[in-house]
C-alpha cells in the first residue's frame, strides 16, 4: 500500500500517522519528494482501514499495490533510482558501460584489456573469477586468484570491478574485494544468496534468469531489498525461447517494461543474449536506443583462444568502434556515454 501525503503536511502530523501505522505491525518507508511525501507500507495491509485513512487531513491519496513486489514497485518509489558506485552511477543521465573478458585468465590479459576498454570509454571492468559453466569439464575460472588479478587491474586503471558470486559463503570476500557483485542468471532464484546479499550495502547486479518472467525477476530483487539493500541494478541478458539461432532471445522490450513497473535501473548484456560476437554491436545500439541505463559487453584481446565464451566476445578495437556509435545514439535519446 502507498499513502501519498498532501503538500506541506507538518512533520508532527506525519510522525503521528507513521506511529499509528507501525502499531498495526507494518513497516513504513518514506519517499520525500519536492511536492509530496509518500509512505510505503510493507506487510499485511489488510488491517488498514482505507476509508478511515482517506479522511485523514494530511492524506492526499491511498493506493493498494496489486503486484507482489512492493519495494521495487514504481508506485512505492515514483522517482527513478540512481545507484552510485563511487563517483559513477546507473540510472542518471549517463549510461554506464561495463566491459571486459568473460573470464580472468592471467594478470597480463586482464590488465591489458582493462586499459584498452577504459581508453575507449568503459566506466566499469567486468571479469569472471568463478564461472558456473553448463559442463563440469569446461574452464571454471581462477577462483580467488582471479579476484586478486581483478584488484590489480583496478589499481592500474581506476575502473571499479564487476564479478559474479556463486554462493553465500563467498559474500564476505566479495563485499571486501568487488565493487558491484553480480548475481548470474542461474542464481537469480537462489533466495538464500539473495537474502545474504540483502544484508550488505554493496551494489548488486541482478541478471534475469534463463526463463524468468519480468515479475519473477522483480521478485528476486524484492528478496534483496527486503533485507535492506536497495542498491540493485537489473540486467537483461536474454531468455530461453524456442528459437535456437541465437544463444538466447534478447528481450529489448524488458527495458521499457521495467522502467514502467519499477524504479530500479536496468542494463542490457547483448553478449550473453546473442552468443555471437558479430551481433553484439547492433544489439548494444538497440539497447541504448531503448533507454537502457547501461550495457555490459564481453571484450577479449584474442576471442578465438578465450578460455570461455570467445564466440560472443568482441575485440578492443571493435569495442572502441561500438563506443563511438553509442555516443551518437545516446545523444539522440537525451543521454550521454
C-alpha atoms as a PDB file:
ATOM      1  CA  UNK A   1       0.000   0.000   0.000  1.00  0.00           C
ATOM      2  CA  UNK A   2       1.124   3.541  -0.766  1.00  0.00           C
ATOM      3  CA  UNK A   3      -0.115   6.657   1.022  1.00  0.00           C
ATOM      4  CA  UNK A   4       0.521   9.970  -0.702  1.00  0.00           C
ATOM      5  CA  UNK A   5       0.521  12.868   1.750  1.00  0.00           C
ATOM      6  CA  UNK A   6      -0.633  16.387   0.985  1.00  0.00           C
ATOM      7  CA  UNK A   7       1.983  19.067   0.281  1.00  0.00           C
ATOM      8  CA  UNK A   8       3.241  20.892   3.356  1.00  0.00           C
ATOM      9  CA  UNK A   9       1.949  18.258   5.814  1.00  0.00           C
ATOM     10  CA  UNK A  10       3.565  19.066   9.160  1.00  0.00           C
ATOM     11  CA  UNK A  11       6.349  16.862  10.474  1.00  0.00           C
ATOM     12  CA  UNK A  12       4.417  16.258  13.686  1.00  0.00           C
ATOM     13  CA  UNK A  13       1.297  15.022  11.886  1.00  0.00           C
ATOM     14  CA  UNK A  14       3.406  12.764   9.652  1.00  0.00           C
ATOM     15  CA  UNK A  15       5.100  11.240  12.695  1.00  0.00           C
ATOM     16  CA  UNK A  16       1.720  10.652  14.335  1.00  0.00           C
ATOM     17  CA  UNK A  17       0.430   8.876  11.226  1.00  0.00           C
ATOM     18  CA  UNK A  18       3.568   6.745  10.910  1.00  0.00           C
ATOM     19  CA  UNK A  19       3.300   5.769  14.585  1.00  0.00           C
ATOM     20  CA  UNK A  20      -0.334   4.758  14.077  1.00  0.00           C
ATOM     21  CA  UNK A  21       0.549   2.593  11.061  1.00  0.00           C
ATOM     22  CA  UNK A  22       3.528   0.927  12.731  1.00  0.00           C
ATOM     23  CA  UNK A  23       1.295  -0.006  15.644  1.00  0.00           C
ATOM     24  CA  UNK A  24      -0.566  -2.205  13.154  1.00  0.00           C
ATOM     25  CA  UNK A  25       2.633  -4.247  12.725  1.00  0.00           C
ATOM     26  CA  UNK A  26       3.629  -2.724   9.390  1.00  0.00           C
ATOM     27  CA  UNK A  27       6.930  -1.300   8.188  1.00  0.00           C
ATOM     28  CA  UNK A  28       6.786   2.257   6.851  1.00  0.00           C
ATOM     29  CA  UNK A  29       9.302   3.525   4.313  1.00  0.00           C
ATOM     30  CA  UNK A  30       9.273   7.182   3.310  1.00  0.00           C
ATOM     31  CA  UNK A  31       9.997   8.768  -0.026  1.00  0.00           C
ATOM     32  CA  UNK A  32      10.283  12.539   0.268  1.00  0.00           C
ATOM     33  CA  UNK A  33       9.775  14.413  -2.994  1.00  0.00           C
ATOM     34  CA  UNK A  34       9.739  18.100  -3.871  1.00  0.00           C
ATOM     35  CA  UNK A  35       5.930  18.231  -3.782  1.00  0.00           C
ATOM     36  CA  UNK A  36       4.710  15.127  -1.986  1.00  0.00           C
ATOM     37  CA  UNK A  37       5.817  12.748   0.745  1.00  0.00           C
ATOM     38  CA  UNK A  38       4.968   9.114   0.084  1.00  0.00           C
ATOM     39  CA  UNK A  39       4.632   6.448   2.762  1.00  0.00           C
ATOM     40  CA  UNK A  40       5.211   2.908   1.523  1.00  0.00           C
ATOM     41  CA  UNK A  41       3.582   0.278   3.738  1.00  0.00           C
ATOM     42  CA  UNK A  42       5.125  -3.197   3.778  1.00  0.00           C
ATOM     43  CA  UNK A  43       3.422  -6.121   5.493  1.00  0.00           C
ATOM     44  CA  UNK A  44      -0.147  -7.332   5.894  1.00  0.00           C
ATOM     45  CA  UNK A  45      -2.026  -4.175   4.937  1.00  0.00           C
ATOM     46  CA  UNK A  46      -5.439  -5.861   5.293  1.00  0.00           C
ATOM     47  CA  UNK A  47      -5.525  -4.440   8.813  1.00  0.00           C
ATOM     48  CA  UNK A  48      -5.563  -0.877   7.455  1.00  0.00           C
ATOM     49  CA  UNK A  49      -8.960   0.827   7.219  1.00  0.00           C
ATOM     50  CA  UNK A  50      -8.595   2.572   3.863  1.00  0.00           C
ATOM     51  CA  UNK A  51     -11.738   4.673   4.193  1.00  0.00           C
ATOM     52  CA  UNK A  52     -10.583   5.964   7.564  1.00  0.00           C
ATOM     53  CA  UNK A  53      -7.122   6.639   6.162  1.00  0.00           C
ATOM     54  CA  UNK A  54      -8.527   8.627   3.234  1.00  0.00           C
ATOM     55  CA  UNK A  55     -10.265  11.128   5.517  1.00  0.00           C
ATOM     56  CA  UNK A  56      -7.091  11.882   7.440  1.00  0.00           C
ATOM     57  CA  UNK A  57      -6.418  15.605   6.998  1.00  0.00           C
ATOM     58  CA  UNK A  58      -2.854  15.112   5.694  1.00  0.00           C
ATOM     59  CA  UNK A  59      -3.609  12.229   3.298  1.00  0.00           C
ATOM     60  CA  UNK A  60      -3.957  13.062  -0.401  1.00  0.00           C
ATOM     61  CA  UNK A  61      -4.403   9.554  -1.828  1.00  0.00           C
ATOM     62  CA  UNK A  62      -4.260   5.877  -0.795  1.00  0.00           C
ATOM     63  CA  UNK A  63      -3.351   3.190  -3.327  1.00  0.00           C
ATOM     64  CA  UNK A  64      -3.007  -0.560  -2.981  1.00  0.00           C
ATOM     65  CA  UNK A  65      -0.080  -2.140  -4.818  1.00  0.00           C
ATOM     66  CA  UNK A  66      -1.507  -5.151  -6.621  1.00  0.00           C
ATOM     67  CA  UNK A  67       1.818  -6.649  -7.722  1.00  0.00           C
ATOM     68  CA  UNK A  68       3.645  -8.906  -5.230  1.00  0.00           C
ATOM     69  CA  UNK A  69       6.827  -6.824  -5.466  1.00  0.00           C
ATOM     70  CA  UNK A  70       6.476  -3.786  -3.214  1.00  0.00           C
ATOM     71  CA  UNK A  71       9.817  -2.065  -2.635  1.00  0.00           C
ATOM     72  CA  UNK A  72      10.835  -2.491  -6.280  1.00  0.00           C
ATOM     73  CA  UNK A  73       7.496  -1.055  -7.461  1.00  0.00           C
ATOM     74  CA  UNK A  74       7.410   2.383  -9.085  1.00  0.00           C
ATOM     75  CA  UNK A  75       4.253   3.214  -7.126  1.00  0.00           C
ATOM     76  CA  UNK A  76       6.276   2.729  -3.973  1.00  0.00           C
ATOM     77  CA  UNK A  77       9.122   4.897  -5.291  1.00  0.00           C
ATOM     78  CA  UNK A  78       7.897   7.091  -8.207  1.00  0.00           C
ATOM     79  CA  UNK A  79      11.275   8.689  -8.886  1.00  0.00           C
ATOM     80  CA  UNK A  80      13.778   6.536 -10.779  1.00  0.00           C
ATOM     81  CA  UNK A  81      16.559   5.289  -8.523  1.00  0.00           C
ATOM     82  CA  UNK A  82      20.166   6.191  -9.177  1.00  0.00           C
ATOM     83  CA  UNK A  83      22.668   3.601  -7.963  1.00  0.00           C
ATOM     84  CA  UNK A  84      26.017   5.177  -7.168  1.00  0.00           C
ATOM     85  CA  UNK A  85      29.306   3.298  -7.333  1.00  0.00           C
ATOM     86  CA  UNK A  86      31.951   5.724  -6.126  1.00  0.00           C
ATOM     87  CA  UNK A  87      31.765   8.694  -8.473  1.00  0.00           C
ATOM     88  CA  UNK A  88      29.914   6.674 -11.155  1.00  0.00           C
ATOM     89  CA  UNK A  89      26.271   5.770 -11.380  1.00  0.00           C
ATOM     90  CA  UNK A  90      23.490   3.820 -13.053  1.00  0.00           C
ATOM     91  CA  UNK A  91      20.097   5.392 -13.543  1.00  0.00           C
ATOM     92  CA  UNK A  92      21.114   9.000 -14.061  1.00  0.00           C
ATOM     93  CA  UNK A  93      21.597  10.855 -17.319  1.00  0.00           C
ATOM     94  CA  UNK A  94      24.820   8.985 -18.107  1.00  0.00           C
ATOM     95  CA  UNK A  95      24.869   5.424 -19.431  1.00  0.00           C
ATOM     96  CA  UNK A  96      27.104   3.033 -17.503  1.00  0.00           C
ATOM     97  CA  UNK A  97      29.391   0.856 -19.615  1.00  0.00           C
ATOM     98  CA  UNK A  98      30.722  -2.428 -18.203  1.00  0.00           C
ATOM     99  CA  UNK A  99      33.309  -4.181 -20.351  1.00  0.00           C
ATOM    100  CA  UNK A 100      35.892  -6.923 -20.024  1.00  0.00           C
ATOM    101  CA  UNK A 101      36.502 -10.628 -20.614  1.00  0.00           C
ATOM    102  CA  UNK A 102      34.139 -13.426 -19.700  1.00  0.00           C
ATOM    103  CA  UNK A 103      36.899 -14.991 -17.587  1.00  0.00           C
ATOM    104  CA  UNK A 104      40.034 -13.656 -15.961  1.00  0.00           C
ATOM    105  CA  UNK A 105      42.843 -15.723 -17.460  1.00  0.00           C
ATOM    106  CA  UNK A 106      46.075 -14.002 -16.382  1.00  0.00           C
ATOM    107  CA  UNK A 107      47.365 -10.720 -14.987  1.00  0.00           C
ATOM    108  CA  UNK A 108      48.648  -9.614 -18.388  1.00  0.00           C
ATOM    109  CA  UNK A 109      45.335 -10.416 -20.052  1.00  0.00           C
ATOM    110  CA  UNK A 110      43.050  -8.614 -17.591  1.00  0.00           C
ATOM    111  CA  UNK A 111      45.275  -5.548 -17.173  1.00  0.00           C
ATOM    112  CA  UNK A 112      45.766  -5.170 -20.931  1.00  0.00           C
ATOM    113  CA  UNK A 113      42.038  -5.407 -21.632  1.00  0.00           C
ATOM    114  CA  UNK A 114      41.210  -3.089 -18.723  1.00  0.00           C
ATOM    115  CA  UNK A 115      43.473  -0.369 -20.095  1.00  0.00           C
ATOM    116  CA  UNK A 116      42.048  -0.703 -23.609  1.00  0.00           C
ATOM    117  CA  UNK A 117      38.377  -0.637 -22.618  1.00  0.00           C
ATOM    118  CA  UNK A 118      38.989   2.331 -20.325  1.00  0.00           C
ATOM    119  CA  UNK A 119      40.666   4.212 -23.166  1.00  0.00           C
ATOM    120  CA  UNK A 120      37.587   3.521 -25.321  1.00  0.00           C
ATOM    121  CA  UNK A 121      35.231   4.876 -22.664  1.00  0.00           C
ATOM    122  CA  UNK A 122      34.223   1.964 -20.417  1.00  0.00           C
ATOM    123  CA  UNK A 123      33.363   3.013 -16.863  1.00  0.00           C
ATOM    124  CA  UNK A 124      33.467  -0.440 -15.203  1.00  0.00           C
ATOM    125  CA  UNK A 125      35.585  -3.580 -15.671  1.00  0.00           C
ATOM    126  CA  UNK A 126      33.932  -6.998 -15.735  1.00  0.00           C
ATOM    127  CA  UNK A 127      35.720 -10.304 -15.320  1.00  0.00           C
ATOM    128  CA  UNK A 128      34.670 -13.750 -14.147  1.00  0.00           C
ATOM    129  CA  UNK A 129      36.763 -15.284 -11.370  1.00  0.00           C
ATOM    130  CA  UNK A 130      34.245 -18.056 -10.698  1.00  0.00           C
ATOM    131  CA  UNK A 131      32.492 -19.459 -13.767  1.00  0.00           C
ATOM    132  CA  UNK A 132      29.304 -21.553 -13.420  1.00  0.00           C
ATOM    133  CA  UNK A 133      29.512 -23.498 -16.681  1.00  0.00           C
ATOM    134  CA  UNK A 134      26.959 -25.851 -18.213  1.00  0.00           C
ATOM    135  CA  UNK A 135      29.600 -28.569 -18.430  1.00  0.00           C
ATOM    136  CA  UNK A 136      31.639 -29.543 -15.351  1.00  0.00           C
ATOM    137  CA  UNK A 137      34.590 -30.152 -17.684  1.00  0.00           C
ATOM    138  CA  UNK A 138      34.705 -26.584 -19.011  1.00  0.00           C
ATOM    139  CA  UNK A 139      37.036 -23.933 -17.558  1.00  0.00           C
ATOM    140  CA  UNK A 140      35.605 -22.949 -14.157  1.00  0.00           C
ATOM    141  CA  UNK A 141      37.646 -19.806 -13.598  1.00  0.00           C
ATOM    142  CA  UNK A 142      40.708 -18.991 -11.480  1.00  0.00           C
ATOM    143  CA  UNK A 143      38.689 -18.573  -8.293  1.00  0.00           C
ATOM    144  CA  UNK A 144      40.029 -16.228  -5.645  1.00  0.00           C
ATOM    145  CA  UNK A 145      43.233 -15.797  -7.652  1.00  0.00           C
ATOM    146  CA  UNK A 146      41.028 -14.229 -10.329  1.00  0.00           C
ATOM    147  CA  UNK A 147      39.666 -11.733  -7.789  1.00  0.00           C
ATOM    148  CA  UNK A 148      43.233 -10.756  -6.894  1.00  0.00           C
ATOM    149  CA  UNK A 149      44.025 -10.151 -10.562  1.00  0.00           C
ATOM    150  CA  UNK A 150      40.894  -8.009 -10.904  1.00  0.00           C
ATOM    151  CA  UNK A 151      42.067  -5.930  -7.948  1.00  0.00           C
ATOM    152  CA  UNK A 152      45.404  -5.400  -9.696  1.00  0.00           C
ATOM    153  CA  UNK A 153      43.585  -4.259 -12.854  1.00  0.00           C
ATOM    154  CA  UNK A 154      41.513  -1.854 -10.757  1.00  0.00           C
ATOM    155  CA  UNK A 155      44.655  -0.378  -9.209  1.00  0.00           C
ATOM    156  CA  UNK A 156      46.197   0.008 -12.672  1.00  0.00           C
ATOM    157  CA  UNK A 157      43.174   1.686 -14.274  1.00  0.00           C
ATOM    158  CA  UNK A 158      40.874   3.018 -11.551  1.00  0.00           C
ATOM    159  CA  UNK A 159      37.948   1.082 -13.057  1.00  0.00           C
ATOM    160  CA  UNK A 160      35.519  -0.360 -10.465  1.00  0.00           C
ATOM    161  CA  UNK A 161      35.183  -4.122 -10.910  1.00  0.00           C
ATOM    162  CA  UNK A 162      32.140  -6.330 -11.511  1.00  0.00           C
ATOM    163  CA  UNK A 163      32.314 -10.068 -10.857  1.00  0.00           C
ATOM    164  CA  UNK A 164      29.895 -12.940 -10.304  1.00  0.00           C
ATOM    165  CA  UNK A 165      29.277 -14.565  -6.926  1.00  0.00           C
ATOM    166  CA  UNK A 166      28.135 -18.186  -6.651  1.00  0.00           C
ATOM    167  CA  UNK A 167      27.198 -18.892  -3.035  1.00  0.00           C
ATOM    168  CA  UNK A 168      26.503 -17.450   0.420  1.00  0.00           C
ATOM    169  CA  UNK A 169      29.912 -18.435   1.786  1.00  0.00           C
ATOM    170  CA  UNK A 170      31.586 -16.050  -0.679  1.00  0.00           C
ATOM    171  CA  UNK A 171      29.691 -12.955   0.454  1.00  0.00           C
ATOM    172  CA  UNK A 172      32.262 -11.559   2.914  1.00  0.00           C
ATOM    173  CA  UNK A 173      35.111 -11.835   0.398  1.00  0.00           C
ATOM    174  CA  UNK A 174      33.070 -10.263  -2.417  1.00  0.00           C
ATOM    175  CA  UNK A 175      31.923  -7.416  -0.180  1.00  0.00           C
ATOM    176  CA  UNK A 176      35.575  -6.668   0.542  1.00  0.00           C
ATOM    177  CA  UNK A 177      37.015  -7.039  -2.953  1.00  0.00           C
ATOM    178  CA  UNK A 178      34.290  -6.378  -5.564  1.00  0.00           C
ATOM    179  CA  UNK A 179      32.634  -3.045  -6.334  1.00  0.00           C
ATOM    180  CA  UNK A 180      29.488  -4.493  -7.963  1.00  0.00           C
ATOM    181  CA  UNK A 181      28.504  -8.047  -7.033  1.00  0.00           C
ATOM    182  CA  UNK A 182      26.894  -9.875  -9.934  1.00  0.00           C
ATOM    183  CA  UNK A 183      24.199 -12.498  -9.403  1.00  0.00           C
ATOM    184  CA  UNK A 184      24.126 -14.637 -12.528  1.00  0.00           C
ATOM    185  CA  UNK A 185      21.085 -15.977 -14.352  1.00  0.00           C
ATOM    186  CA  UNK A 186      21.426 -19.413 -12.752  1.00  0.00           C
ATOM    187  CA  UNK A 187      21.355 -17.878  -9.265  1.00  0.00           C
ATOM    188  CA  UNK A 188      18.528 -15.396  -9.815  1.00  0.00           C
ATOM    189  CA  UNK A 189      16.262 -17.538  -7.617  1.00  0.00           C
ATOM    190  CA  UNK A 190      18.903 -18.644  -5.126  1.00  0.00           C
ATOM    191  CA  UNK A 191      16.893 -16.989  -2.380  1.00  0.00           C
ATOM    192  CA  UNK A 192      19.338 -17.730   0.444  1.00  0.00           C
ATOM    193  CA  UNK A 193      22.109 -15.991  -1.512  1.00  0.00           C
ATOM    194  CA  UNK A 194      19.810 -13.056  -2.331  1.00  0.00           C
ATOM    195  CA  UNK A 195      18.891 -12.598   1.337  1.00  0.00           C
ATOM    196  CA  UNK A 196      22.548 -12.626   2.386  1.00  0.00           C
ATOM    197  CA  UNK A 197      23.360 -10.018  -0.257  1.00  0.00           C
ATOM    198  CA  UNK A 198      20.420  -8.013   1.048  1.00  0.00           C
ATOM    199  CA  UNK A 199      22.236  -7.675   4.375  1.00  0.00           C
ATOM    200  CA  UNK A 200      25.127  -5.924   2.631  1.00  0.00           C
ATOM    201  CA  UNK A 201      25.116  -2.466   1.114  1.00  0.00           C
ATOM    202  CA  UNK A 202      27.175  -3.297  -1.972  1.00  0.00           C
ATOM    203  CA  UNK A 203      25.580  -2.602  -5.354  1.00  0.00           C
ATOM    204  CA  UNK A 204      24.107  -5.844  -6.737  1.00  0.00           C
ATOM    205  CA  UNK A 205      23.847  -6.560 -10.474  1.00  0.00           C
ATOM    206  CA  UNK A 206      20.908  -8.959 -10.749  1.00  0.00           C
ATOM    207  CA  UNK A 207      20.699 -10.820 -14.038  1.00  0.00           C
ATOM    208  CA  UNK A 208      17.408 -12.136 -15.362  1.00  0.00           C
ATOM    209  CA  UNK A 209      17.002 -15.914 -15.078  1.00  0.00           C
ATOM    210  CA  UNK A 210      17.129 -18.191 -18.100  1.00  0.00           C
ATOM    211  CA  UNK A 211      13.330 -18.494 -18.337  1.00  0.00           C
ATOM    212  CA  UNK A 212      12.196 -15.920 -15.793  1.00  0.00           C
ATOM    213  CA  UNK A 213       9.237 -13.637 -16.294  1.00  0.00           C
ATOM    214  CA  UNK A 214       9.693  -9.954 -15.554  1.00  0.00           C
ATOM    215  CA  UNK A 215       7.627 -10.345 -12.377  1.00  0.00           C
ATOM    216  CA  UNK A 216       9.791 -13.249 -11.164  1.00  0.00           C
ATOM    217  CA  UNK A 217      12.874 -11.155 -11.853  1.00  0.00           C
ATOM    218  CA  UNK A 218      11.491  -8.241  -9.836  1.00  0.00           C
ATOM    219  CA  UNK A 219      10.525 -10.606  -7.025  1.00  0.00           C
ATOM    220  CA  UNK A 220      14.169 -11.684  -6.817  1.00  0.00           C
ATOM    221  CA  UNK A 221      15.112  -8.018  -6.466  1.00  0.00           C
ATOM    222  CA  UNK A 222      12.471  -7.802  -3.739  1.00  0.00           C
ATOM    223  CA  UNK A 223      14.265 -10.564  -1.797  1.00  0.00           C
ATOM    224  CA  UNK A 224      17.405  -8.418  -1.702  1.00  0.00           C
ATOM    225  CA  UNK A 225      15.509  -5.232  -0.881  1.00  0.00           C
ATOM    226  CA  UNK A 226      13.502  -6.912   1.887  1.00  0.00           C
ATOM    227  CA  UNK A 227      16.754  -7.297   3.847  1.00  0.00           C
ATOM    228  CA  UNK A 228      17.608  -3.608   3.481  1.00  0.00           C
ATOM    229  CA  UNK A 229      19.844  -3.368   0.404  1.00  0.00           C
ATOM    230  CA  UNK A 230      18.203  -1.151  -2.214  1.00  0.00           C
ATOM    231  CA  UNK A 231      21.330  -0.797  -4.388  1.00  0.00           C
ATOM    232  CA  UNK A 232      20.179  -3.055  -7.201  1.00  0.00           C
ATOM    233  CA  UNK A 233      20.855  -2.864 -10.933  1.00  0.00           C
ATOM    234  CA  UNK A 234      18.785  -5.179 -13.130  1.00  0.00           C
ATOM    235  CA  UNK A 235      20.408  -6.825 -16.159  1.00  0.00           C
ATOM    236  CA  UNK A 236      18.502  -8.205 -19.144  1.00  0.00           C
ATOM    237  CA  UNK A 237      20.670 -10.945 -20.713  1.00  0.00           C
ATOM    238  CA  UNK A 238      18.245 -12.801 -22.942  1.00  0.00           C
ATOM    239  CA  UNK A 239      15.780 -15.565 -22.142  1.00  0.00           C
ATOM    240  CA  UNK A 240      15.307 -19.105 -23.395  1.00  0.00           C
ATOM    241  CA  UNK A 241      12.729 -19.443 -26.162  1.00  0.00           C
ATOM    242  CA  UNK A 242      12.025 -21.921 -28.972  1.00  0.00           C
ATOM    243  CA  UNK A 243      14.473 -20.043 -31.244  1.00  0.00           C
ATOM    244  CA  UNK A 244      17.890 -21.730 -31.445  1.00  0.00           C
ATOM    245  CA  UNK A 245      19.698 -19.457 -33.894  1.00  0.00           C
ATOM    246  CA  UNK A 246      20.999 -17.255 -31.075  1.00  0.00           C
ATOM    247  CA  UNK A 247      22.201 -18.382 -27.664  1.00  0.00           C
ATOM    248  CA  UNK A 248      19.161 -16.715 -26.077  1.00  0.00           C
ATOM    249  CA  UNK A 249      16.467 -14.290 -27.208  1.00  0.00           C
ATOM    250  CA  UNK A 250      17.280 -10.721 -26.201  1.00  0.00           C
ATOM    251  CA  UNK A 251      14.135  -9.141 -24.769  1.00  0.00           C
ATOM    252  CA  UNK A 252      14.700  -5.459 -25.548  1.00  0.00           C
ATOM    253  CA  UNK A 253      11.070  -4.785 -24.588  1.00  0.00           C
ATOM    254  CA  UNK A 254      12.021  -5.628 -20.991  1.00  0.00           C
ATOM    255  CA  UNK A 255      13.799  -2.261 -20.752  1.00  0.00           C
ATOM    256  CA  UNK A 256      10.724  -0.007 -21.168  1.00  0.00           C
ATOM    257  CA  UNK A 257       8.609  -2.564 -19.292  1.00  0.00           C
ATOM    258  CA  UNK A 258      10.887  -2.437 -16.252  1.00  0.00           C
ATOM    259  CA  UNK A 259      11.019   1.338 -16.377  1.00  0.00           C
ATOM    260  CA  UNK A 260       7.214   1.446 -16.267  1.00  0.00           C
ATOM    261  CA  UNK A 261       6.898  -1.115 -13.465  1.00  0.00           C
ATOM    262  CA  UNK A 262       9.926  -0.366 -11.315  1.00  0.00           C
ATOM    263  CA  UNK A 263      12.185   2.471 -10.242  1.00  0.00           C
ATOM    264  CA  UNK A 264      15.330   0.308 -10.452  1.00  0.00           C
ATOM    265  CA  UNK A 265      17.859   0.945 -13.244  1.00  0.00           C
ATOM    266  CA  UNK A 266      18.111  -1.697 -15.961  1.00  0.00           C
ATOM    267  CA  UNK A 267      21.051  -2.527 -18.222  1.00  0.00           C
ATOM    268  CA  UNK A 268      21.471  -4.956 -21.139  1.00  0.00           C
ATOM    269  CA  UNK A 269      24.047  -7.690 -21.776  1.00  0.00           C
ATOM    270  CA  UNK A 270      23.947  -8.368 -25.547  1.00  0.00           C
ATOM    271  CA  UNK A 271      26.935 -10.736 -25.365  1.00  0.00           C
ATOM    272  CA  UNK A 272      25.190 -13.493 -23.392  1.00  0.00           C
ATOM    273  CA  UNK A 273      21.899 -12.738 -25.100  1.00  0.00           C
ATOM    274  CA  UNK A 274      23.118 -13.428 -28.622  1.00  0.00           C
ATOM    275  CA  UNK A 275      26.158 -15.645 -28.129  1.00  0.00           C
ATOM    276  CA  UNK A 276      27.626 -14.218 -31.335  1.00  0.00           C
ATOM    277  CA  UNK A 277      30.256 -11.501 -31.407  1.00  0.00           C
ATOM    278  CA  UNK A 278      29.011 -10.043 -34.693  1.00  0.00           C
ATOM    279  CA  UNK A 279      25.578  -9.459 -33.152  1.00  0.00           C
ATOM    280  CA  UNK A 280      26.825  -7.670 -30.049  1.00  0.00           C
ATOM    281  CA  UNK A 281      27.307  -4.257 -31.616  1.00  0.00           C
ATOM    282  CA  UNK A 282      23.845  -3.839 -33.228  1.00  0.00           C
ATOM    283  CA  UNK A 283      22.114  -5.195 -30.100  1.00  0.00           C
ATOM    284  CA  UNK A 284      24.087  -2.844 -27.840  1.00  0.00           C
ATOM    285  CA  UNK A 285      22.998   0.057 -30.037  1.00  0.00           C
ATOM    286  CA  UNK A 286      19.393  -1.114 -29.810  1.00  0.00           C
ATOM    287  CA  UNK A 287      19.642  -1.289 -26.008  1.00  0.00           C
ATOM    288  CA  UNK A 288      20.838   2.300 -25.734  1.00  0.00           C
ATOM    289  CA  UNK A 289      18.123   3.455 -28.157  1.00  0.00           C
ATOM    290  CA  UNK A 290      15.557   1.682 -25.948  1.00  0.00           C
ATOM    291  CA  UNK A 291      16.726   3.837 -22.997  1.00  0.00           C
ATOM    292  CA  UNK A 292      18.743   1.231 -21.077  1.00  0.00           C
ATOM    293  CA  UNK A 293      20.738   2.668 -18.183  1.00  0.00           C
ATOM    294  CA  UNK A 294      23.842   0.756 -19.214  1.00  0.00           C
ATOM    295  CA  UNK A 295      25.349  -2.060 -21.239  1.00  0.00           C
ATOM    296  CA  UNK A 296      27.604  -4.981 -20.370  1.00  0.00           C
ATOM    297  CA  UNK A 297      29.964  -6.117 -23.130  1.00  0.00           C
ATOM    298  CA  UNK A 298      32.400  -9.036 -23.260  1.00  0.00           C
ATOM    299  CA  UNK A 299      35.725  -7.874 -24.676  1.00  0.00           C
ATOM    300  CA  UNK A 300      38.710 -10.162 -25.241  1.00  0.00           C
ATOM    301  CA  UNK A 301      42.079  -9.427 -26.822  1.00  0.00           C
ATOM    302  CA  UNK A 302      42.069 -12.832 -28.577  1.00  0.00           C
ATOM    303  CA  UNK A 303      38.488 -14.185 -28.782  1.00  0.00           C
ATOM    304  CA  UNK A 304      39.491 -17.264 -30.817  1.00  0.00           C
ATOM    305  CA  UNK A 305      41.629 -18.524 -27.934  1.00  0.00           C
ATOM    306  CA  UNK A 306      39.500 -17.332 -24.995  1.00  0.00           C
ATOM    307  CA  UNK A 307      39.068 -19.912 -22.237  1.00  0.00           C
ATOM    308  CA  UNK A 308      35.327 -19.214 -22.131  1.00  0.00           C
ATOM    309  CA  UNK A 309      32.698 -17.645 -24.396  1.00  0.00           C
ATOM    310  CA  UNK A 310      35.089 -16.432 -27.069  1.00  0.00           C
ATOM    311  CA  UNK A 311      32.344 -16.655 -29.708  1.00  0.00           C
ATOM    312  CA  UNK A 312      30.362 -13.856 -28.055  1.00  0.00           C
ATOM    313  CA  UNK A 313      33.312 -11.572 -27.331  1.00  0.00           C
ATOM    314  CA  UNK A 314      34.429  -8.612 -29.398  1.00  0.00           C
ATOM    315  CA  UNK A 315      37.953  -7.219 -29.682  1.00  0.00           C
ATOM    316  CA  UNK A 316      39.101  -3.970 -28.039  1.00  0.00           C
ATOM    317  CA  UNK A 317      39.179  -2.367 -31.494  1.00  0.00           C
ATOM    318  CA  UNK A 318      35.557  -3.358 -32.138  1.00  0.00           C
ATOM    319  CA  UNK A 319      34.628  -2.112 -28.684  1.00  0.00           C
ATOM    320  CA  UNK A 320      36.155   1.266 -29.482  1.00  0.00           C
ATOM    321  CA  UNK A 321      34.103   1.397 -32.696  1.00  0.00           C
ATOM    322  CA  UNK A 322      30.973   0.496 -30.736  1.00  0.00           C
ATOM    323  CA  UNK A 323      31.563   3.250 -28.187  1.00  0.00           C
ATOM    324  CA  UNK A 324      31.907   5.851 -30.935  1.00  0.00           C
ATOM    325  CA  UNK A 325      28.497   4.882 -32.347  1.00  0.00           C
ATOM    326  CA  UNK A 326      26.874   4.746 -28.906  1.00  0.00           C
ATOM    327  CA  UNK A 327      27.896   8.334 -28.194  1.00  0.00           C
ATOM    328  CA  UNK A 328      25.809   9.395 -31.191  1.00  0.00           C
ATOM    329  CA  UNK A 329      22.808   7.228 -30.263  1.00  0.00           C
ATOM    330  CA  UNK A 330      22.835   8.228 -26.590  1.00  0.00           C
ATOM    331  CA  UNK A 331      22.747  11.895 -27.576  1.00  0.00           C
ATOM    332  CA  UNK A 332      19.721  11.256 -29.785  1.00  0.00           C
ATOM    333  CA  UNK A 333      17.763   9.867 -26.799  1.00  0.00           C
ATOM    334  CA  UNK A 334      18.836  12.580 -24.388  1.00  0.00           C
ATOM    335  CA  UNK A 335      21.528  10.586 -22.602  1.00  0.00           C
ATOM    336  CA  UNK A 336      25.298  10.500 -22.710  1.00  0.00           C
ATOM    337  CA  UNK A 337      28.038   7.867 -22.671  1.00  0.00           C
END
